[in-house]
N, C-alpha and C. Protein backbone atom coordinates (compact mmCIF):
# COMPACT_ATOMS: atom_id res chain seq x y z
N MET A 1 -175.96 -173.91 27.39
CA MET A 1 -175.37 -174.44 26.26
C MET A 1 -174.53 -175.61 26.56
N SER A 2 -174.64 -176.58 25.63
CA SER A 2 -173.83 -177.83 25.86
C SER A 2 -173.09 -178.11 24.69
N PHE A 3 -171.89 -178.77 24.84
CA PHE A 3 -171.03 -179.32 23.79
C PHE A 3 -170.96 -180.78 23.92
N THR A 4 -170.81 -181.40 22.65
CA THR A 4 -170.86 -182.91 22.62
C THR A 4 -169.68 -183.16 21.50
N ILE A 5 -168.80 -183.88 21.86
CA ILE A 5 -167.69 -184.43 20.92
C ILE A 5 -167.75 -185.76 20.78
N THR A 6 -167.86 -186.29 19.64
CA THR A 6 -167.77 -187.96 19.41
C THR A 6 -166.58 -188.21 18.28
N THR A 7 -166.17 -189.30 18.58
CA THR A 7 -164.81 -189.63 17.70
C THR A 7 -165.16 -190.90 17.01
N PRO A 8 -166.08 -191.22 15.89
CA PRO A 8 -166.15 -192.35 15.29
C PRO A 8 -164.83 -192.46 14.39
N GLU A 9 -164.81 -193.71 13.81
CA GLU A 9 -163.58 -194.18 13.20
C GLU A 9 -162.82 -192.97 12.27
N CYS A 10 -163.52 -192.29 11.41
CA CYS A 10 -163.03 -191.52 10.48
C CYS A 10 -163.13 -190.01 10.47
N GLN A 11 -163.85 -189.65 11.69
CA GLN A 11 -164.05 -188.20 11.88
C GLN A 11 -164.45 -187.89 13.39
N VAL A 12 -164.15 -186.57 13.59
CA VAL A 12 -164.48 -185.93 15.11
C VAL A 12 -165.72 -185.10 14.64
N ASP A 13 -166.67 -185.32 15.30
CA ASP A 13 -167.94 -184.63 15.17
C ASP A 13 -168.31 -183.85 16.52
N ILE A 14 -168.41 -182.46 16.33
CA ILE A 14 -168.45 -181.44 17.28
C ILE A 14 -169.86 -180.88 17.15
N ARG A 15 -170.77 -181.00 18.27
CA ARG A 15 -171.98 -180.34 18.15
C ARG A 15 -172.03 -179.31 19.34
N VAL A 16 -172.83 -178.25 19.08
CA VAL A 16 -173.12 -177.24 19.97
C VAL A 16 -174.65 -176.97 20.01
N ASP A 17 -175.16 -177.09 21.28
CA ASP A 17 -176.55 -176.78 21.34
C ASP A 17 -176.72 -175.65 22.34
N ASN A 18 -177.58 -174.77 22.26
CA ASN A 18 -177.79 -173.73 23.08
C ASN A 18 -179.27 -174.07 23.57
N SER A 19 -179.82 -173.21 24.81
CA SER A 19 -180.98 -173.41 25.29
C SER A 19 -182.33 -173.14 24.58
N GLU A 20 -182.17 -172.62 23.21
CA GLU A 20 -183.28 -172.45 22.46
C GLU A 20 -183.25 -173.46 21.22
N GLY A 21 -182.49 -174.32 21.43
CA GLY A 21 -182.43 -175.24 20.37
C GLY A 21 -181.65 -175.17 19.15
N PHE A 22 -180.86 -173.99 19.09
CA PHE A 22 -179.89 -173.86 18.02
C PHE A 22 -178.79 -174.91 18.18
N LYS A 23 -178.36 -175.45 16.95
CA LYS A 23 -177.51 -176.58 16.87
C LYS A 23 -176.45 -176.36 15.66
N ALA A 24 -175.30 -176.49 16.09
CA ALA A 24 -174.07 -176.32 14.99
C ALA A 24 -173.34 -177.60 15.20
N SER A 25 -172.87 -178.21 13.98
CA SER A 25 -172.14 -179.42 13.82
C SER A 25 -170.97 -179.30 12.98
N VAL A 26 -169.79 -179.70 13.38
CA VAL A 26 -168.74 -179.70 12.73
C VAL A 26 -167.92 -180.98 12.58
N MET A 27 -167.49 -181.48 11.55
CA MET A 27 -166.88 -182.85 11.38
C MET A 27 -165.46 -182.53 10.83
N ILE A 28 -164.54 -183.05 11.69
CA ILE A 28 -163.09 -183.06 11.22
C ILE A 28 -162.64 -184.41 10.90
N PRO A 29 -162.15 -184.66 9.66
CA PRO A 29 -161.71 -186.09 9.43
C PRO A 29 -160.39 -186.26 10.23
N HIS A 30 -160.16 -187.59 10.50
CA HIS A 30 -158.87 -188.01 11.10
C HIS A 30 -158.64 -189.57 10.57
N ARG A 31 -157.54 -190.20 10.96
CA ARG A 31 -157.30 -191.49 10.40
C ARG A 31 -157.47 -192.61 11.40
N GLY A 32 -158.40 -192.41 12.18
CA GLY A 32 -158.73 -193.51 13.20
C GLY A 32 -158.62 -192.97 14.70
N ARG A 33 -158.98 -193.75 15.51
CA ARG A 33 -158.76 -193.42 17.00
C ARG A 33 -157.49 -193.27 17.36
N SER A 34 -156.59 -194.14 16.85
CA SER A 34 -155.14 -194.17 17.36
C SER A 34 -154.29 -193.01 16.75
N ARG A 35 -154.84 -192.37 15.77
CA ARG A 35 -154.25 -191.19 15.12
C ARG A 35 -154.61 -189.98 15.57
N LEU A 36 -155.62 -189.75 16.40
CA LEU A 36 -156.13 -188.45 16.85
C LEU A 36 -154.99 -187.62 17.75
N ASN A 37 -154.07 -187.01 16.96
CA ASN A 37 -152.94 -186.49 17.58
C ASN A 37 -153.11 -185.16 18.22
N ILE A 38 -152.10 -184.34 18.73
CA ILE A 38 -152.24 -183.16 19.27
C ILE A 38 -152.84 -182.16 18.35
N ARG A 39 -152.35 -182.09 16.97
CA ARG A 39 -152.89 -181.08 16.05
C ARG A 39 -154.33 -181.41 15.87
N ASN A 40 -154.85 -182.65 15.89
CA ASN A 40 -156.26 -182.73 15.80
C ASN A 40 -157.02 -182.29 16.96
N LEU A 41 -156.45 -182.48 18.02
CA LEU A 41 -157.24 -181.95 19.39
C LEU A 41 -157.25 -180.39 19.34
N ILE A 42 -156.14 -179.74 18.90
CA ILE A 42 -155.93 -178.19 18.89
C ILE A 42 -157.13 -177.81 18.01
N THR A 43 -157.15 -178.46 16.64
CA THR A 43 -158.14 -178.06 15.82
C THR A 43 -159.36 -178.12 16.41
N CYS A 44 -159.82 -179.22 17.05
CA CYS A 44 -161.07 -179.35 17.64
C CYS A 44 -161.39 -178.39 18.53
N ALA A 45 -160.45 -178.08 19.39
CA ALA A 45 -160.68 -176.96 20.50
C ALA A 45 -160.84 -175.62 19.74
N LEU A 46 -160.20 -175.39 18.65
CA LEU A 46 -160.43 -174.12 17.95
C LEU A 46 -161.76 -174.05 17.30
N VAL A 47 -162.19 -175.10 16.73
CA VAL A 47 -163.62 -175.02 16.33
C VAL A 47 -164.67 -174.79 17.28
N VAL A 48 -164.56 -175.58 18.51
CA VAL A 48 -165.50 -175.45 19.58
C VAL A 48 -165.70 -173.78 19.92
N ALA A 49 -164.39 -173.41 20.05
CA ALA A 49 -164.27 -171.97 20.72
C ALA A 49 -164.81 -171.11 19.64
N ALA A 50 -164.71 -171.45 18.31
CA ALA A 50 -165.21 -170.39 17.21
C ALA A 50 -166.76 -170.50 17.24
N VAL A 51 -167.33 -171.78 17.30
CA VAL A 51 -168.74 -171.87 17.28
C VAL A 51 -169.34 -171.16 18.75
N ALA A 52 -168.70 -171.55 19.78
CA ALA A 52 -169.29 -170.77 21.10
C ALA A 52 -169.25 -169.43 20.99
N SER A 53 -168.21 -168.83 20.26
CA SER A 53 -168.15 -167.44 20.31
C SER A 53 -169.05 -166.83 19.39
N VAL A 54 -169.57 -167.45 18.36
CA VAL A 54 -170.73 -167.06 17.55
C VAL A 54 -171.98 -166.92 18.54
N LEU A 55 -172.35 -167.92 19.18
CA LEU A 55 -173.46 -168.13 19.89
C LEU A 55 -173.52 -167.07 21.07
N ALA A 56 -172.17 -166.53 21.42
CA ALA A 56 -172.15 -165.57 22.47
C ALA A 56 -172.25 -164.20 22.26
N VAL A 57 -172.23 -163.93 20.76
CA VAL A 57 -172.25 -162.59 20.24
C VAL A 57 -173.53 -161.86 20.70
N PRO A 58 -173.50 -160.75 21.35
CA PRO A 58 -174.69 -159.95 21.65
C PRO A 58 -175.62 -159.76 20.46
N GLY A 59 -176.96 -159.98 20.63
CA GLY A 59 -177.87 -160.04 19.70
C GLY A 59 -178.18 -161.32 18.75
N PHE A 60 -177.10 -162.20 19.09
CA PHE A 60 -177.29 -163.61 18.38
C PHE A 60 -178.14 -164.43 19.29
N ALA A 61 -177.79 -164.70 20.59
CA ALA A 61 -178.56 -165.64 21.31
C ALA A 61 -180.00 -165.28 21.63
N SER A 62 -180.81 -166.09 21.74
CA SER A 62 -182.31 -165.79 22.00
C SER A 62 -182.74 -166.56 23.18
N ALA A 63 -181.80 -166.94 24.23
CA ALA A 63 -182.07 -167.78 25.22
C ALA A 63 -182.82 -166.97 26.32
N LYS A 64 -183.60 -167.62 27.22
CA LYS A 64 -184.05 -166.89 28.21
C LYS A 64 -183.09 -166.40 29.28
N VAL A 65 -183.11 -165.30 29.73
CA VAL A 65 -182.19 -164.95 30.81
C VAL A 65 -182.84 -164.33 32.05
N GLY A 66 -182.02 -164.43 33.04
CA GLY A 66 -182.55 -163.76 34.39
C GLY A 66 -182.14 -162.37 34.53
N GLY A 67 -182.25 -161.81 35.76
CA GLY A 67 -181.94 -160.33 35.89
C GLY A 67 -183.20 -159.51 35.85
N THR A 68 -182.99 -158.15 36.11
CA THR A 68 -183.94 -157.24 36.23
C THR A 68 -183.88 -156.36 35.17
N PHE A 69 -185.11 -155.88 34.67
CA PHE A 69 -185.34 -155.03 33.48
C PHE A 69 -186.24 -153.92 33.71
N ASP A 70 -186.23 -152.85 33.15
CA ASP A 70 -187.46 -151.93 33.15
C ASP A 70 -188.03 -152.21 31.77
N TRP A 71 -189.36 -152.11 31.74
CA TRP A 71 -190.23 -152.40 30.67
C TRP A 71 -190.85 -150.97 30.19
N HIS A 72 -190.95 -150.59 28.92
CA HIS A 72 -191.45 -149.55 28.45
C HIS A 72 -192.40 -149.81 27.31
N VAL A 73 -193.63 -149.40 27.43
CA VAL A 73 -194.60 -149.39 26.22
C VAL A 73 -195.15 -148.13 25.99
N GLY A 74 -194.58 -147.41 24.92
CA GLY A 74 -195.04 -146.08 24.44
C GLY A 74 -194.80 -145.01 25.24
N ASP A 75 -194.03 -144.97 26.33
CA ASP A 75 -194.19 -143.96 27.43
C ASP A 75 -192.81 -143.09 27.14
N LEU A 76 -191.78 -143.47 26.46
CA LEU A 76 -190.62 -142.63 26.33
C LEU A 76 -190.78 -141.90 25.13
N ALA A 77 -190.13 -140.58 25.10
CA ALA A 77 -190.31 -139.69 24.01
C ALA A 77 -189.89 -140.00 22.86
N PHE A 78 -188.81 -140.89 22.78
CA PHE A 78 -188.34 -141.36 21.40
C PHE A 78 -188.89 -142.41 21.02
N LEU A 79 -189.87 -142.97 21.63
CA LEU A 79 -190.58 -144.33 21.18
C LEU A 79 -191.86 -143.96 20.40
N ASN A 80 -192.26 -142.58 20.53
CA ASN A 80 -193.39 -142.19 19.69
C ASN A 80 -194.75 -143.00 20.00
N GLY A 81 -195.01 -143.22 21.23
CA GLY A 81 -196.21 -143.80 21.66
C GLY A 81 -197.49 -143.06 21.40
N PRO A 82 -198.57 -143.54 21.79
CA PRO A 82 -198.79 -144.77 22.38
C PRO A 82 -198.64 -146.06 21.40
N ASP A 83 -198.62 -147.17 22.09
CA ASP A 83 -198.83 -148.60 21.33
C ASP A 83 -200.28 -148.84 21.14
N ASN A 84 -200.50 -149.49 20.19
CA ASN A 84 -201.92 -149.90 19.91
C ASN A 84 -202.09 -151.35 19.28
N ALA A 85 -203.25 -152.04 19.64
CA ALA A 85 -203.40 -153.37 19.04
C ALA A 85 -204.88 -153.43 18.78
N THR A 86 -205.21 -154.35 17.81
CA THR A 86 -206.69 -154.42 17.38
C THR A 86 -207.21 -155.89 17.48
N ALA A 87 -208.40 -155.92 17.82
CA ALA A 87 -209.17 -157.05 18.09
C ALA A 87 -209.81 -157.58 16.62
N ASP A 88 -210.35 -158.91 16.70
CA ASP A 88 -210.86 -159.25 15.39
C ASP A 88 -212.05 -158.65 15.02
N ASN A 89 -212.72 -157.96 15.85
CA ASN A 89 -214.00 -157.18 15.44
C ASN A 89 -213.67 -155.75 15.01
N GLY A 90 -212.36 -155.42 15.03
CA GLY A 90 -212.01 -154.12 14.57
C GLY A 90 -211.87 -153.14 15.78
N ASP A 91 -212.08 -153.43 16.90
CA ASP A 91 -211.87 -152.50 18.16
C ASP A 91 -210.47 -152.47 18.32
N TYR A 92 -210.01 -151.33 18.73
CA TYR A 92 -208.55 -151.19 19.10
C TYR A 92 -208.36 -150.49 20.31
N VAL A 93 -207.30 -150.80 21.00
CA VAL A 93 -206.90 -150.20 22.27
C VAL A 93 -205.40 -149.57 22.16
N LEU A 94 -205.41 -148.43 22.76
CA LEU A 94 -204.13 -147.55 22.94
C LEU A 94 -203.64 -147.69 24.28
N LEU A 95 -202.28 -148.13 24.31
CA LEU A 95 -201.59 -148.38 25.58
C LEU A 95 -200.47 -147.52 25.91
N VAL A 96 -200.09 -147.08 27.02
CA VAL A 96 -198.93 -146.50 27.57
C VAL A 96 -198.84 -146.99 28.84
N GLY A 97 -197.33 -147.29 29.16
CA GLY A 97 -197.08 -147.84 30.42
C GLY A 97 -195.61 -148.14 30.58
N THR A 98 -195.25 -148.14 31.97
CA THR A 98 -193.81 -148.61 32.28
C THR A 98 -193.77 -149.35 33.69
N GLY A 99 -192.64 -150.06 33.85
CA GLY A 99 -192.62 -150.77 35.11
C GLY A 99 -191.22 -151.51 35.03
N THR A 100 -191.23 -152.49 35.98
CA THR A 100 -189.90 -153.27 36.08
C THR A 100 -190.38 -154.65 36.44
N PHE A 101 -189.37 -155.75 35.82
CA PHE A 101 -189.71 -156.83 36.01
C PHE A 101 -188.28 -157.78 36.41
N ASN A 102 -188.52 -158.92 37.08
CA ASN A 102 -187.34 -159.83 37.34
C ASN A 102 -187.74 -161.12 36.55
N ALA A 103 -186.87 -161.34 35.54
CA ALA A 103 -187.15 -162.61 34.76
C ALA A 103 -186.86 -163.90 35.54
N ALA A 104 -186.04 -163.73 36.64
CA ALA A 104 -185.76 -165.05 37.32
C ALA A 104 -187.03 -165.32 38.34
N THR A 105 -187.26 -164.41 39.05
CA THR A 105 -188.27 -164.57 40.15
C THR A 105 -189.70 -164.23 39.68
N LYS A 106 -189.98 -163.90 38.55
CA LYS A 106 -191.26 -163.62 37.88
C LYS A 106 -192.01 -162.52 38.47
N ALA A 107 -191.25 -161.63 39.24
CA ALA A 107 -191.99 -160.56 39.84
C ALA A 107 -192.20 -159.38 38.69
N ALA A 108 -193.00 -158.46 38.93
CA ALA A 108 -193.41 -157.42 37.95
C ALA A 108 -194.14 -156.38 38.63
N ASP A 109 -193.93 -155.10 38.12
CA ASP A 109 -194.74 -154.04 38.73
C ASP A 109 -194.75 -152.98 37.72
N GLY A 110 -195.62 -151.93 38.09
CA GLY A 110 -195.87 -150.91 37.00
C GLY A 110 -197.34 -150.76 36.43
N GLY A 111 -197.34 -150.19 35.46
CA GLY A 111 -198.52 -150.13 34.71
C GLY A 111 -198.89 -148.89 33.84
N GLY A 112 -200.01 -148.57 33.58
CA GLY A 112 -200.23 -147.36 32.73
C GLY A 112 -201.65 -147.20 32.42
N THR A 113 -202.03 -146.40 31.13
CA THR A 113 -203.22 -146.12 30.81
C THR A 113 -203.73 -146.74 29.52
N PHE A 114 -204.99 -146.96 29.39
CA PHE A 114 -205.47 -147.50 28.31
C PHE A 114 -206.59 -146.68 27.56
N GLU A 115 -206.94 -146.80 26.32
CA GLU A 115 -208.18 -146.21 25.67
C GLU A 115 -208.75 -147.39 24.73
N HIS A 116 -209.82 -147.56 24.94
CA HIS A 116 -210.53 -148.66 24.13
C HIS A 116 -211.46 -148.16 23.01
N HIS A 117 -211.33 -148.27 21.73
CA HIS A 117 -212.12 -147.59 20.65
C HIS A 117 -212.80 -148.59 19.99
N HIS A 118 -213.95 -148.38 19.58
CA HIS A 118 -214.57 -149.18 18.62
C HIS A 118 -213.97 -149.11 17.31
N ALA A 119 -214.47 -149.87 16.41
CA ALA A 119 -213.72 -150.00 15.00
C ALA A 119 -213.98 -148.60 14.24
N ASP A 120 -214.99 -147.92 14.55
CA ASP A 120 -215.41 -146.72 13.85
C ASP A 120 -214.59 -145.37 14.45
N GLY A 121 -213.74 -145.77 15.44
CA GLY A 121 -212.82 -144.64 16.26
C GLY A 121 -213.64 -144.08 17.27
N SER A 122 -214.81 -144.41 17.72
CA SER A 122 -215.46 -143.74 18.74
C SER A 122 -215.11 -144.31 19.99
N LEU A 123 -214.94 -143.63 21.03
CA LEU A 123 -214.32 -143.91 22.44
C LEU A 123 -215.30 -144.74 23.22
N PHE A 124 -214.86 -146.04 23.62
CA PHE A 124 -215.79 -146.87 24.36
C PHE A 124 -215.38 -146.88 25.86
N ALA A 125 -213.97 -146.84 26.23
CA ALA A 125 -213.58 -146.74 27.76
C ALA A 125 -212.33 -146.39 27.70
N VAL A 126 -212.17 -145.66 28.96
CA VAL A 126 -210.55 -145.21 29.25
C VAL A 126 -210.46 -145.78 30.60
N GLY A 127 -209.09 -145.91 31.10
CA GLY A 127 -208.86 -146.36 32.33
C GLY A 127 -207.46 -146.62 32.65
N THR A 128 -207.14 -147.50 33.79
CA THR A 128 -205.71 -147.74 34.05
C THR A 128 -205.60 -149.25 34.03
N TRP A 129 -204.37 -149.50 33.96
CA TRP A 129 -204.01 -151.00 33.93
C TRP A 129 -202.71 -151.28 34.81
N THR A 130 -202.64 -152.39 35.50
CA THR A 130 -201.48 -152.60 36.48
C THR A 130 -200.66 -154.07 36.16
N ALA A 131 -199.54 -154.14 36.17
CA ALA A 131 -198.78 -155.44 36.05
C ALA A 131 -198.54 -156.12 37.29
N SER A 132 -198.77 -157.31 37.49
CA SER A 132 -198.58 -158.13 38.81
C SER A 132 -197.58 -159.29 38.79
N GLY A 133 -197.17 -159.68 37.64
CA GLY A 133 -196.18 -160.72 37.56
C GLY A 133 -195.92 -160.96 36.13
N VAL A 134 -194.84 -161.82 35.94
CA VAL A 134 -194.22 -162.37 34.80
C VAL A 134 -194.86 -163.72 34.46
N ILE A 135 -195.41 -163.79 33.15
CA ILE A 135 -195.86 -165.18 32.74
C ILE A 135 -194.57 -165.81 32.26
N SER A 136 -193.80 -165.18 31.33
CA SER A 136 -192.58 -165.54 30.61
C SER A 136 -192.07 -164.51 30.03
N PHE A 137 -190.62 -164.80 29.93
CA PHE A 137 -189.85 -163.65 29.10
C PHE A 137 -188.77 -164.47 28.45
N VAL A 138 -188.69 -164.15 27.13
CA VAL A 138 -187.50 -164.50 26.30
C VAL A 138 -186.76 -163.38 25.66
N SER A 139 -185.50 -163.37 25.94
CA SER A 139 -184.59 -162.28 25.48
C SER A 139 -184.06 -162.54 24.07
N TYR A 140 -184.20 -161.51 23.18
CA TYR A 140 -183.51 -161.53 21.83
C TYR A 140 -182.22 -160.97 21.67
N GLY A 141 -181.82 -160.56 22.90
CA GLY A 141 -180.28 -160.17 22.91
C GLY A 141 -180.29 -158.57 22.50
N THR A 142 -179.15 -158.11 22.31
CA THR A 142 -178.83 -156.60 22.00
C THR A 142 -178.42 -156.49 20.56
N SER A 143 -178.39 -155.21 20.20
CA SER A 143 -177.95 -154.92 18.83
C SER A 143 -176.86 -154.00 18.83
N ALA A 144 -175.86 -154.14 17.90
CA ALA A 144 -174.79 -153.22 17.75
C ALA A 144 -175.27 -151.85 17.36
N GLY A 145 -174.67 -150.70 17.95
CA GLY A 145 -175.07 -149.48 17.67
C GLY A 145 -175.94 -148.86 18.62
N LEU A 146 -176.61 -149.69 19.50
CA LEU A 146 -177.52 -149.41 20.46
C LEU A 146 -176.78 -149.53 21.84
N PRO A 147 -177.24 -148.80 23.00
CA PRO A 147 -176.57 -149.04 24.38
C PRO A 147 -176.78 -150.40 24.73
N PRO A 148 -175.74 -151.09 25.39
CA PRO A 148 -175.76 -152.33 25.54
C PRO A 148 -176.82 -152.89 26.62
N THR A 149 -177.38 -151.79 27.27
CA THR A 149 -178.44 -152.26 28.16
C THR A 149 -179.92 -152.44 27.49
N PHE A 150 -179.97 -151.96 26.28
CA PHE A 150 -181.19 -152.14 25.51
C PHE A 150 -181.38 -153.64 25.07
N PHE A 151 -182.46 -154.14 25.39
CA PHE A 151 -182.70 -155.52 24.90
C PHE A 151 -183.94 -155.71 24.14
N GLY A 152 -184.03 -156.65 23.37
CA GLY A 152 -185.22 -157.05 22.66
C GLY A 152 -185.77 -158.30 23.32
N GLY A 153 -186.99 -158.47 23.16
CA GLY A 153 -187.63 -159.85 23.83
C GLY A 153 -189.05 -159.88 23.73
N LYS A 154 -189.50 -160.92 24.18
CA LYS A 154 -191.02 -161.16 24.39
C LYS A 154 -191.42 -161.34 25.76
N LEU A 155 -192.13 -160.38 26.24
CA LEU A 155 -192.56 -160.58 27.75
C LEU A 155 -194.05 -160.61 27.81
N ALA A 156 -194.39 -161.68 28.45
CA ALA A 156 -195.85 -161.61 28.81
C ALA A 156 -195.99 -161.44 30.37
N LEU A 157 -197.01 -160.54 30.68
CA LEU A 157 -197.21 -160.10 31.95
C LEU A 157 -198.72 -160.47 32.20
N ARG A 158 -198.97 -160.63 33.58
CA ARG A 158 -200.30 -160.63 34.24
C ARG A 158 -200.64 -159.27 34.55
N VAL A 159 -201.79 -158.86 33.98
CA VAL A 159 -202.14 -157.58 34.22
C VAL A 159 -203.71 -157.47 34.51
N ALA A 160 -204.22 -156.51 34.93
CA ALA A 160 -205.61 -156.02 35.27
C ALA A 160 -205.86 -154.67 34.95
N ALA A 161 -206.96 -154.48 34.14
CA ALA A 161 -207.50 -153.37 33.74
C ALA A 161 -208.69 -152.82 34.36
N THR A 162 -208.85 -151.50 34.70
CA THR A 162 -209.79 -151.00 35.46
C THR A 162 -210.35 -149.73 34.75
N PRO A 163 -211.45 -149.75 34.26
CA PRO A 163 -212.15 -148.56 33.47
C PRO A 163 -212.36 -147.44 34.63
N ALA A 164 -212.19 -146.13 34.00
CA ALA A 164 -212.58 -145.07 34.98
C ALA A 164 -213.98 -145.12 35.34
N GLY A 165 -214.30 -144.63 36.45
CA GLY A 165 -215.65 -144.41 36.97
C GLY A 165 -215.74 -145.03 38.25
N GLU A 166 -216.64 -144.56 39.20
CA GLU A 166 -216.82 -144.98 40.56
C GLU A 166 -217.45 -146.40 40.44
N GLY A 167 -216.76 -147.36 41.13
CA GLY A 167 -217.27 -148.70 41.26
C GLY A 167 -217.04 -149.49 40.19
N ALA A 168 -216.06 -149.18 39.20
CA ALA A 168 -215.98 -149.92 38.06
C ALA A 168 -215.20 -151.10 38.35
N PRO A 169 -215.45 -152.35 37.80
CA PRO A 169 -214.89 -153.59 38.00
C PRO A 169 -213.41 -153.46 37.58
N THR A 170 -212.75 -154.49 38.03
CA THR A 170 -211.28 -154.79 37.55
C THR A 170 -211.29 -155.94 36.67
N PHE A 171 -210.68 -156.15 35.64
CA PHE A 171 -210.84 -157.01 34.54
C PHE A 171 -209.23 -157.69 34.47
N PRO A 172 -208.95 -159.02 34.73
CA PRO A 172 -207.87 -159.53 34.70
C PRO A 172 -207.55 -159.88 33.26
N GLY A 173 -206.25 -159.98 32.89
CA GLY A 173 -205.85 -160.49 31.57
C GLY A 173 -204.40 -160.48 31.56
N ALA A 174 -204.05 -160.70 30.28
CA ALA A 174 -202.32 -160.81 29.96
C ALA A 174 -201.98 -159.93 28.76
N MET A 175 -200.95 -159.21 29.07
CA MET A 175 -200.31 -158.42 27.96
C MET A 175 -198.91 -158.93 27.64
N THR A 176 -198.79 -159.17 26.17
CA THR A 176 -197.56 -159.52 25.63
C THR A 176 -196.81 -158.49 25.05
N VAL A 177 -195.63 -158.07 25.35
CA VAL A 177 -194.85 -156.99 24.75
C VAL A 177 -193.67 -157.63 23.97
N TYR A 178 -193.65 -157.20 22.78
CA TYR A 178 -192.49 -157.55 21.78
C TYR A 178 -191.74 -156.38 21.36
N CYS A 179 -190.34 -156.53 21.71
CA CYS A 179 -189.31 -155.58 21.42
C CYS A 179 -188.37 -156.28 20.26
N LEU A 180 -188.14 -155.71 19.11
CA LEU A 180 -187.43 -156.56 18.13
C LEU A 180 -185.96 -156.20 18.00
N ILE A 181 -185.30 -155.67 19.08
CA ILE A 181 -183.98 -155.37 19.10
C ILE A 181 -183.26 -156.78 19.20
N GLY A 182 -182.14 -156.92 18.74
CA GLY A 182 -181.35 -158.19 18.86
C GLY A 182 -181.73 -158.97 17.58
N SER A 183 -181.91 -160.37 17.96
CA SER A 183 -182.28 -161.43 16.90
C SER A 183 -183.61 -162.01 17.29
N PRO A 184 -184.64 -161.28 16.87
CA PRO A 184 -185.94 -161.82 17.07
C PRO A 184 -186.29 -162.96 16.02
N PRO A 185 -187.17 -163.82 16.34
CA PRO A 185 -187.73 -164.81 15.21
C PRO A 185 -188.36 -163.97 14.13
N SER A 186 -188.37 -164.62 12.86
CA SER A 186 -189.28 -163.96 11.96
C SER A 186 -190.77 -164.09 12.33
N GLY A 187 -191.52 -163.00 11.62
CA GLY A 187 -192.91 -163.30 11.68
C GLY A 187 -193.63 -162.46 13.00
N PHE A 188 -192.80 -161.73 13.65
CA PHE A 188 -193.33 -160.88 14.86
C PHE A 188 -193.21 -159.25 14.36
N GLU A 189 -194.28 -158.81 14.90
CA GLU A 189 -194.37 -157.20 14.75
C GLU A 189 -194.12 -156.57 16.25
N GLU A 190 -193.20 -155.40 16.32
CA GLU A 190 -192.97 -154.88 17.47
C GLU A 190 -194.13 -154.42 17.94
N GLY A 191 -194.50 -154.60 19.17
CA GLY A 191 -195.72 -153.85 19.74
C GLY A 191 -196.22 -154.58 20.84
N VAL A 192 -197.55 -154.61 21.16
CA VAL A 192 -198.19 -155.17 22.15
C VAL A 192 -199.42 -156.00 21.70
N ARG A 193 -199.85 -156.89 22.47
CA ARG A 193 -201.06 -157.63 22.51
C ARG A 193 -201.69 -157.69 23.92
N LEU A 194 -203.01 -157.38 24.07
CA LEU A 194 -203.60 -157.43 25.22
C LEU A 194 -204.94 -158.39 25.16
N ASN A 195 -204.85 -159.29 26.05
CA ASN A 195 -206.10 -160.24 26.07
C ASN A 195 -206.76 -160.09 27.52
N VAL A 196 -207.91 -159.36 27.41
CA VAL A 196 -208.66 -159.25 28.61
C VAL A 196 -209.78 -160.34 28.62
N TYR A 197 -209.37 -161.22 29.72
CA TYR A 197 -210.00 -162.68 29.74
C TYR A 197 -211.50 -162.61 29.49
N ASP A 198 -212.06 -163.30 28.60
CA ASP A 198 -213.44 -163.52 28.49
C ASP A 198 -214.23 -162.29 28.01
N LEU A 199 -213.44 -161.31 27.75
CA LEU A 199 -214.22 -160.09 27.11
C LEU A 199 -213.63 -159.73 25.72
N ILE A 200 -212.45 -159.52 25.59
CA ILE A 200 -211.88 -159.07 24.19
C ILE A 200 -210.43 -159.35 24.21
N ASN A 201 -210.02 -159.76 22.90
CA ASN A 201 -208.48 -160.02 22.79
C ASN A 201 -208.03 -159.18 21.76
N PHE A 202 -207.39 -158.38 21.98
CA PHE A 202 -206.58 -157.38 21.01
C PHE A 202 -205.17 -157.96 20.72
N ASN A 203 -205.39 -158.78 19.67
CA ASN A 203 -204.44 -159.59 19.29
C ASN A 203 -203.48 -159.46 18.22
N THR A 204 -203.59 -158.26 17.56
CA THR A 204 -202.82 -157.89 16.38
C THR A 204 -202.17 -156.70 16.58
N PRO A 205 -200.88 -156.58 17.01
CA PRO A 205 -200.07 -155.33 17.24
C PRO A 205 -200.12 -154.38 15.97
N SER A 206 -200.12 -153.12 16.25
CA SER A 206 -200.19 -152.13 15.11
C SER A 206 -198.65 -152.17 14.59
N GLU A 207 -198.34 -151.70 13.11
CA GLU A 207 -196.99 -151.49 12.76
C GLU A 207 -196.41 -150.34 13.44
N GLY A 208 -195.14 -150.58 13.70
CA GLY A 208 -194.40 -149.47 14.11
C GLY A 208 -194.48 -149.44 15.74
N GLY A 209 -194.39 -150.50 16.39
CA GLY A 209 -194.69 -150.63 17.80
C GLY A 209 -193.65 -149.64 18.59
N ALA A 210 -193.79 -149.27 19.87
CA ALA A 210 -192.95 -148.55 20.59
C ALA A 210 -192.65 -149.11 21.88
N THR A 211 -191.68 -150.05 21.99
CA THR A 211 -191.57 -151.06 23.10
C THR A 211 -189.97 -150.85 23.33
N LEU A 212 -189.59 -151.20 24.62
CA LEU A 212 -188.20 -151.38 24.98
C LEU A 212 -187.87 -152.12 26.29
N PHE A 213 -187.01 -152.99 26.32
CA PHE A 213 -186.56 -153.48 27.56
C PHE A 213 -185.11 -152.96 28.05
N VAL A 214 -184.95 -152.53 29.23
CA VAL A 214 -183.63 -151.84 29.58
C VAL A 214 -183.08 -152.88 30.73
N SER A 215 -182.12 -153.41 30.70
CA SER A 215 -181.46 -154.14 31.76
C SER A 215 -180.98 -153.26 32.92
N THR A 216 -181.15 -153.66 34.05
CA THR A 216 -180.67 -152.99 35.14
C THR A 216 -179.79 -153.65 36.08
N SER A 217 -179.67 -155.06 35.92
CA SER A 217 -178.86 -155.84 36.46
C SER A 217 -178.44 -157.19 35.80
């Protein structure tokens, strides 16, 4: 977050920018450079503090953060999983999994299970998937009334999926996990997307996703 204060002849212009591009601007009139007295300066300082405190409210900021987290995809009892996502051809995948990640170092581990169904509901494949690293993470912050360690955000993981069966190949891909706690941008659905590279992209999360990030440090 950065603060900029400029003092043109007839006003004090205070701007606050955070790392996600949020900007606030406050202008306080005064009588020229020579008349910016102690009262004006105190007023400026109070305005800066007020704007900064709004940006710091849990659940408001959407900046990227460091630290370690547990990630959950439909595995906790209260999440009512599994999660599922649908491809353009109507096929869908059911996903359950959990693990940890470090937003600063991009390390990640864990994994879970999947079921790939055709559009008519018939089962096509089952297997396991593992997470091997973080592509990106953006925190949406926390929400009042929930434990302070419960975070929302958008997490993109490097994953590999392996169907059940002896000698089955492993397919690389990317999984994006959305949890809408805090202050997420509009237009997102809670849940997951799974892109199995060069094979199929389950790019539409189902309604009522079951995901969570829990801060551990």
